[in-house]
């Protein structure tokens, strides 16, 4: 599933094309891509055509495009394989294309946004914008103190300027759960998935089964710093692509997979000490770590 860096790469690519653009047309090719929308394809089209996008915003793994005229937005969740691709008007259909938006930008002219999704777990929807409790901007890319209602339940991500470090450390101190499980809790800190949790724990030399409450303040600070460094590096490298399911708005894959030190490297030597990386079953997935550098104490 795309995690914070992958969704931010998509948001960053969409922003200049959609900000200020008017929706000229909507084609719903497969209504399974509207599972989060409270209405059918005709309703989605009727309520969206003629509206103007104000920005492209993101919190965690959710992306939304605020609309003019009301406290509404188009919210997108990419699921396992969703893609939002910028194309020329009249461009051939994408493989697994589900929805196409025709937009008119005052500077860039006519463009098309194709929402393609091979596994159909992703979705677009018209959604309400709700005020943020702290009065800060709801997400990256927008100055509005509002967030898509479907994303309001998740916490701010570690790269958000309004992320509360003190509250994060306090939450760790209260949790008698494995630190990796806590990192994956989107209500605490959003956007961190299996890949970047493994990478941050490896960088911080913390075993994934260490109880969050057992971490010292120094260890918690080191972990948060490593989470941010990993996410920023992945952003700089366009995210992590293992196959053609994750690509940016131009259809290009990210290359952070070449920089992974733990995730997916089962049996390979640790880049620090040479010990073979191990993989253990974790929440129907897997945890990858170095048994020497990340000893459970």
Protein backbone atom coordinates (compact mmCIF):
# COMPACT_ATOMS: atom_id res chain seq x y z
CA UNK A 1 0.00 0.00 0.00
CA UNK A 2 1.34 3.48 -0.80
CA UNK A 3 2.57 5.16 2.38
CA UNK A 4 3.22 8.82 3.18
CA UNK A 5 6.11 9.40 0.71
CA UNK A 6 4.27 7.83 -2.22
CA UNK A 7 1.06 9.78 -1.59
CA UNK A 8 3.02 13.01 -1.07
CA UNK A 9 4.81 12.49 -4.39
CA UNK A 10 1.40 12.18 -6.08
CA UNK A 11 0.06 15.26 -4.24
CA UNK A 12 3.12 17.31 -5.18
CA UNK A 13 2.73 16.32 -8.83
CA UNK A 14 -0.98 17.15 -8.91
CA UNK A 15 -0.76 20.50 -7.11
CA UNK A 16 0.37 22.78 -9.97
CA UNK A 17 -2.07 21.17 -12.39
CA UNK A 18 -5.19 21.26 -10.20
CA UNK A 19 -4.81 24.45 -8.15
CA UNK A 20 -7.19 26.94 -9.75
CA UNK A 21 -8.40 24.43 -12.35
CA UNK A 22 -12.09 24.06 -13.24
CA UNK A 23 -13.68 20.63 -13.64
CA UNK A 24 -15.03 20.53 -17.19
CA UNK A 25 -16.16 16.92 -17.27
CA UNK A 26 -16.36 13.68 -15.29
CA UNK A 27 -16.47 10.12 -16.64
CA UNK A 28 -17.18 7.34 -14.14
CA UNK A 29 -16.17 4.14 -15.88
CA UNK A 30 -16.42 1.86 -12.86
CA UNK A 31 -18.53 2.75 -9.82
CA UNK A 32 -16.42 0.49 -7.61
CA UNK A 33 -14.04 3.47 -7.53
CA UNK A 34 -16.74 5.43 -5.66
CA UNK A 35 -17.12 3.12 -2.66
CA UNK A 36 -16.36 6.00 -0.26
CA UNK A 37 -18.76 8.36 -2.04
CA UNK A 38 -22.30 8.70 -0.66
CA UNK A 39 -23.99 8.54 -4.04
CA UNK A 40 -23.68 7.01 -7.49
CA UNK A 41 -21.64 8.05 -10.51
CA UNK A 42 -24.28 10.45 -11.77
CA UNK A 43 -24.34 12.21 -8.39
CA UNK A 44 -20.54 12.46 -8.34
CA UNK A 45 -20.54 14.00 -11.83
CA UNK A 46 -23.43 16.41 -11.19
CA UNK A 47 -21.92 17.80 -7.99
CA UNK A 48 -18.39 18.14 -9.38
CA UNK A 49 -18.67 19.54 -12.92
CA UNK A 50 -18.16 23.30 -12.98
CA UNK A 51 -16.43 23.44 -9.60
CA UNK A 52 -12.90 24.75 -9.12
CA UNK A 53 -10.08 23.11 -7.18
CA UNK A 54 -8.35 25.36 -4.64
CA UNK A 55 -5.33 23.18 -3.76
CA UNK A 56 -4.05 19.63 -3.35
CA UNK A 57 -3.70 18.60 0.30
CA UNK A 58 -2.58 15.46 2.13
CA UNK A 59 -2.59 14.00 5.60
CA UNK A 60 -1.00 10.59 6.08
CA UNK A 61 -2.17 8.39 3.22
CA UNK A 62 -5.22 10.53 2.38
CA UNK A 63 -5.22 13.09 -0.43
CA UNK A 64 -7.92 15.69 -1.00
CA UNK A 65 -8.66 18.55 -3.40
CA UNK A 66 -10.64 21.39 -1.69
CA UNK A 67 -13.41 22.86 -3.83
CA UNK A 68 -14.68 26.41 -4.16
CA UNK A 69 -18.14 27.50 -3.10
CA UNK A 70 -18.64 25.19 -0.10
CA UNK A 71 -16.82 23.25 2.59
CA UNK A 72 -16.32 20.27 0.28
CA UNK A 73 -13.49 18.42 -1.39
CA UNK A 74 -12.69 15.46 -3.57
CA UNK A 75 -10.97 12.99 -1.28
CA UNK A 76 -8.80 10.19 -2.66
CA UNK A 77 -7.44 7.07 -1.05
CA UNK A 78 -5.13 5.05 -3.28
CA UNK A 79 -5.75 1.74 -1.50
CA UNK A 80 -3.29 -0.92 -2.64
CA UNK A 81 -2.77 0.08 -6.26
CA UNK A 82 -4.51 3.39 -6.99
CA UNK A 83 -2.89 5.84 -9.39
CA UNK A 84 -3.72 9.46 -10.25
CA UNK A 85 -2.19 10.24 -13.63
CA UNK A 86 -1.99 13.54 -15.50
CA UNK A 87 -2.69 13.12 -19.20
CA UNK A 88 -3.39 15.19 -22.30
CA UNK A 89 -7.05 15.63 -23.30
CA UNK A 90 -8.22 12.68 -25.37
CA UNK A 91 -5.31 10.47 -24.28
CA UNK A 92 -6.00 6.72 -24.58
CA UNK A 93 -7.55 5.00 -21.60
CA UNK A 94 -5.16 3.75 -18.95
CA UNK A 95 -5.16 0.08 -18.10
CA UNK A 96 -7.53 -0.34 -15.12
CA UNK A 97 -8.81 3.25 -15.49
CA UNK A 98 -11.90 3.80 -13.32
CA UNK A 99 -12.59 7.56 -13.39
CA UNK A 100 -11.42 10.41 -15.61
CA UNK A 101 -11.70 14.11 -14.81
CA UNK A 102 -11.35 16.72 -17.55
CA UNK A 103 -9.99 19.98 -16.13
CA UNK A 104 -9.23 23.43 -17.50
CA UNK A 105 -6.38 25.35 -15.91
CA UNK A 106 -5.95 29.12 -16.48
CA UNK A 107 -2.23 28.67 -17.25
CA UNK A 108 -1.76 25.05 -18.31
CA UNK A 109 -4.90 24.72 -20.40
CA UNK A 110 -6.85 21.49 -20.74
CA UNK A 111 -5.68 18.39 -18.91
CA UNK A 112 -7.09 15.05 -17.80
CA UNK A 113 -6.73 13.28 -14.47
CA UNK A 114 -7.08 9.50 -14.81
CA UNK A 115 -7.77 7.50 -11.66
CA UNK A 116 -6.61 3.95 -12.35
CA UNK A 117 -6.72 1.10 -9.85
CA UNK A 118 -5.89 -2.50 -10.63
CA UNK A 119 -7.09 -4.03 -7.36
CA UNK A 120 -10.08 -1.66 -6.86
CA UNK A 121 -9.40 -0.97 -3.18
CA UNK A 122 -8.88 2.75 -3.84
CA UNK A 123 -11.62 5.34 -4.13
CA UNK A 124 -12.59 8.91 -4.96
CA UNK A 125 -15.44 10.68 -3.18
CA UNK A 126 -17.00 14.05 -2.60
CA UNK A 127 -16.55 14.71 1.09
CA UNK A 128 -17.13 17.43 3.65
CA UNK A 129 -14.28 19.55 5.00
CA UNK A 130 -14.26 19.80 8.79
CA UNK A 131 -12.37 22.26 10.98
CA UNK A 132 -9.14 21.12 12.64
CA UNK A 133 -9.38 21.08 16.46
CA UNK A 134 -6.03 22.89 16.85
CA UNK A 135 -6.75 25.56 14.23
CA UNK A 136 -3.66 24.62 12.19
CA UNK A 137 -3.69 23.75 8.50
CA UNK A 138 -5.39 20.42 7.89
CA UNK A 139 -2.63 18.91 5.80
CA UNK A 140 0.32 19.46 3.49
CA UNK A 141 -0.40 21.68 0.51
CA UNK A 142 -3.26 23.75 1.88
CA UNK A 143 -3.41 26.64 4.33
CA UNK A 144 -7.06 25.91 5.16
CA UNK A 145 -7.63 24.92 8.79
CA UNK A 146 -9.81 22.04 7.63
CA UNK A 147 -9.42 18.39 6.73
CA UNK A 148 -11.46 15.93 4.69
CA UNK A 149 -13.96 14.29 7.03
CA UNK A 150 -12.77 10.83 5.97
CA UNK A 151 -9.24 11.72 7.14
CA UNK A 152 -10.20 13.56 10.32
CA UNK A 153 -9.82 10.45 12.49
CA UNK A 154 -6.11 9.99 11.76
CA UNK A 155 -3.28 11.81 13.49
CA UNK A 156 -0.96 14.31 11.92
CA UNK A 157 2.08 12.83 10.26
CA UNK A 158 5.65 13.29 11.58
CA UNK A 159 6.54 15.75 8.78
CA UNK A 160 3.57 18.02 9.55
CA UNK A 161 4.69 21.33 11.14
CA UNK A 162 1.80 20.97 13.60
CA UNK A 163 2.83 17.46 14.70
CA UNK A 164 2.89 17.39 18.54
CA UNK A 165 6.19 15.74 19.56
CA UNK A 166 5.42 15.96 23.27
CA UNK A 167 2.08 14.22 22.82
CA UNK A 168 3.76 11.55 20.68
CA UNK A 169 6.38 10.79 23.35
CA UNK A 170 3.71 10.74 26.06
CA UNK A 171 1.64 8.29 24.02
CA UNK A 172 4.63 5.97 23.62
CA UNK A 173 5.20 6.02 27.38
CA UNK A 174 1.61 4.85 27.96
CA UNK A 175 1.54 2.04 25.39
CA UNK A 176 2.26 -1.50 26.56
CA UNK A 177 2.37 -2.66 22.95
CA UNK A 178 5.18 -3.49 20.55
CA UNK A 179 6.72 -0.29 19.19
CA UNK A 180 6.15 -1.37 15.59
CA UNK A 181 2.44 -1.87 16.25
CA UNK A 182 2.32 1.62 17.78
CA UNK A 183 4.11 3.16 14.78
CA UNK A 184 1.48 1.64 12.48
CA UNK A 185 -1.36 3.17 14.53
CA UNK A 186 -2.63 5.87 12.17
CA UNK A 187 -4.50 7.56 14.99
CA UNK A 188 -1.23 8.38 16.70
CA UNK A 189 0.98 9.33 13.74
CA UNK A 190 -0.30 8.86 10.21
CA UNK A 191 1.45 7.85 7.03
CA UNK A 192 3.88 5.28 8.46
CA UNK A 193 3.36 1.82 7.01
CA UNK A 194 5.21 -1.47 7.12
CA UNK A 195 8.13 -0.39 4.93
CA UNK A 196 9.06 2.79 6.74
CA UNK A 197 8.40 1.37 10.21
CA UNK A 198 10.97 -1.38 9.52
CA UNK A 199 13.45 1.11 8.10
CA UNK A 200 13.11 3.59 10.99
CA UNK A 201 13.44 0.87 13.65
CA UNK A 202 16.54 -0.48 11.91
CA UNK A 203 18.08 3.01 11.76
CA UNK A 204 17.26 3.61 15.46
CA UNK A 205 18.56 0.13 16.46
CA UNK A 206 15.27 -0.80 18.13
CA UNK A 207 13.73 -4.29 18.01
CA UNK A 208 10.19 -4.13 16.55
CA UNK A 209 8.77 -6.09 19.54
CA UNK A 210 10.21 -3.71 22.14
CA UNK A 211 7.37 -2.32 24.25
CA UNK A 212 6.77 1.34 23.44
CA UNK A 213 6.54 2.12 27.15
CA UNK A 214 10.04 0.69 27.70
CA UNK A 215 11.68 3.24 25.40
CA UNK A 216 13.66 5.95 27.15
CA UNK A 217 13.06 9.57 26.22
CA UNK A 218 16.36 9.50 24.33
CA UNK A 219 15.35 6.38 22.39
CA UNK A 220 11.91 7.84 21.58
CA UNK A 221 13.53 11.04 20.31
CA UNK A 222 16.02 9.04 18.24
CA UNK A 223 13.22 6.97 16.73
CA UNK A 224 11.17 10.02 15.80
CA UNK A 225 14.23 11.63 14.21
CA UNK A 226 14.89 8.48 12.18
CA UNK A 227 11.25 8.26 11.08
CA UNK A 228 11.50 11.79 9.72
CA UNK A 229 14.84 11.18 8.01
CA UNK A 230 13.56 8.00 6.35
CA UNK A 231 10.38 9.68 5.12
CA UNK A 232 12.29 12.69 3.80
CA UNK A 233 14.81 10.50 1.99
CA UNK A 234 12.05 8.40 0.46
CA UNK A 235 10.34 11.59 -0.71
CA UNK A 236 13.55 12.80 -2.32
CA UNK A 237 13.83 9.50 -4.20
CA UNK A 238 10.23 9.47 -5.40
CA UNK A 239 8.93 6.84 -2.99
CA UNK A 240 9.26 3.06 -3.04
CA UNK A 241 8.18 1.02 -6.07
CA UNK A 242 8.41 -2.76 -6.18
CA UNK A 243 6.19 -3.10 -9.25
CA UNK A 244 4.16 -0.96 -11.65
CA UNK A 245 1.31 -0.44 -9.17
CA UNK A 246 2.84 2.67 -7.56
CA UNK A 247 3.89 5.46 -9.93
CA UNK A 248 3.83 9.25 -9.81
CA UNK A 249 1.42 11.42 -11.83
CA UNK A 250 3.61 11.00 -14.92
CA UNK A 251 3.69 7.21 -14.62
CA UNK A 252 7.27 7.04 -13.30
CA UNK A 253 8.34 4.69 -10.51
CA UNK A 254 10.17 5.76 -7.36
CA UNK A 255 13.60 4.33 -6.58
CA UNK A 256 13.85 4.31 -2.76
CA UNK A 257 13.70 0.49 -2.93
CA UNK A 258 17.43 0.64 -3.73
CA UNK A 259 18.07 2.38 -0.39
CA UNK A 260 16.25 -0.07 1.89
CA UNK A 261 18.32 -1.51 4.73
CA UNK A 262 15.80 -3.87 6.35
CA UNK A 263 12.47 -4.21 4.55
CA UNK A 264 12.46 -6.98 1.97
CA UNK A 265 16.10 -7.93 2.67
CA UNK A 266 15.47 -11.24 4.44
CA UNK A 267 18.67 -13.31 4.40
CA UNK A 268 20.85 -10.47 3.12
CA UNK A 269 23.69 -9.04 5.24
CA UNK A 270 22.95 -6.08 7.49
CA UNK A 271 24.57 -2.93 6.10
CA UNK A 272 25.94 -2.15 9.59
CA UNK A 273 27.24 -5.43 10.97
CA UNK A 274 26.90 -8.07 8.26
CA UNK A 275 24.46 -10.27 10.19
CA UNK A 276 21.68 -11.73 8.06
CA UNK A 277 18.44 -9.74 8.17
CA UNK A 278 15.55 -11.86 9.47
CA UNK A 279 11.84 -11.73 8.74
CA UNK A 280 9.22 -12.59 11.35
CA UNK A 281 5.45 -12.75 10.91
CA UNK A 282 3.70 -9.62 12.14
CA UNK A 283 0.01 -8.66 11.78
CA UNK A 284 -0.46 -10.74 8.60
CA UNK A 285 2.66 -9.09 7.20
CA UNK A 286 6.31 -9.31 8.17
CA UNK A 287 8.88 -7.49 10.26
CA UNK A 288 12.41 -7.23 8.91
CA UNK A 289 15.25 -6.48 11.32
CA UNK A 290 18.84 -7.26 12.25
CA UNK A 291 18.97 -9.66 15.21
CA UNK A 292 22.33 -8.28 16.29
CA UNK A 293 21.89 -4.51 15.85
CA UNK A 294 18.28 -4.57 17.05
CA UNK A 295 18.42 -6.88 20.05
CA UNK A 296 15.33 -7.12 22.17
CA UNK A 297 16.38 -6.09 25.67
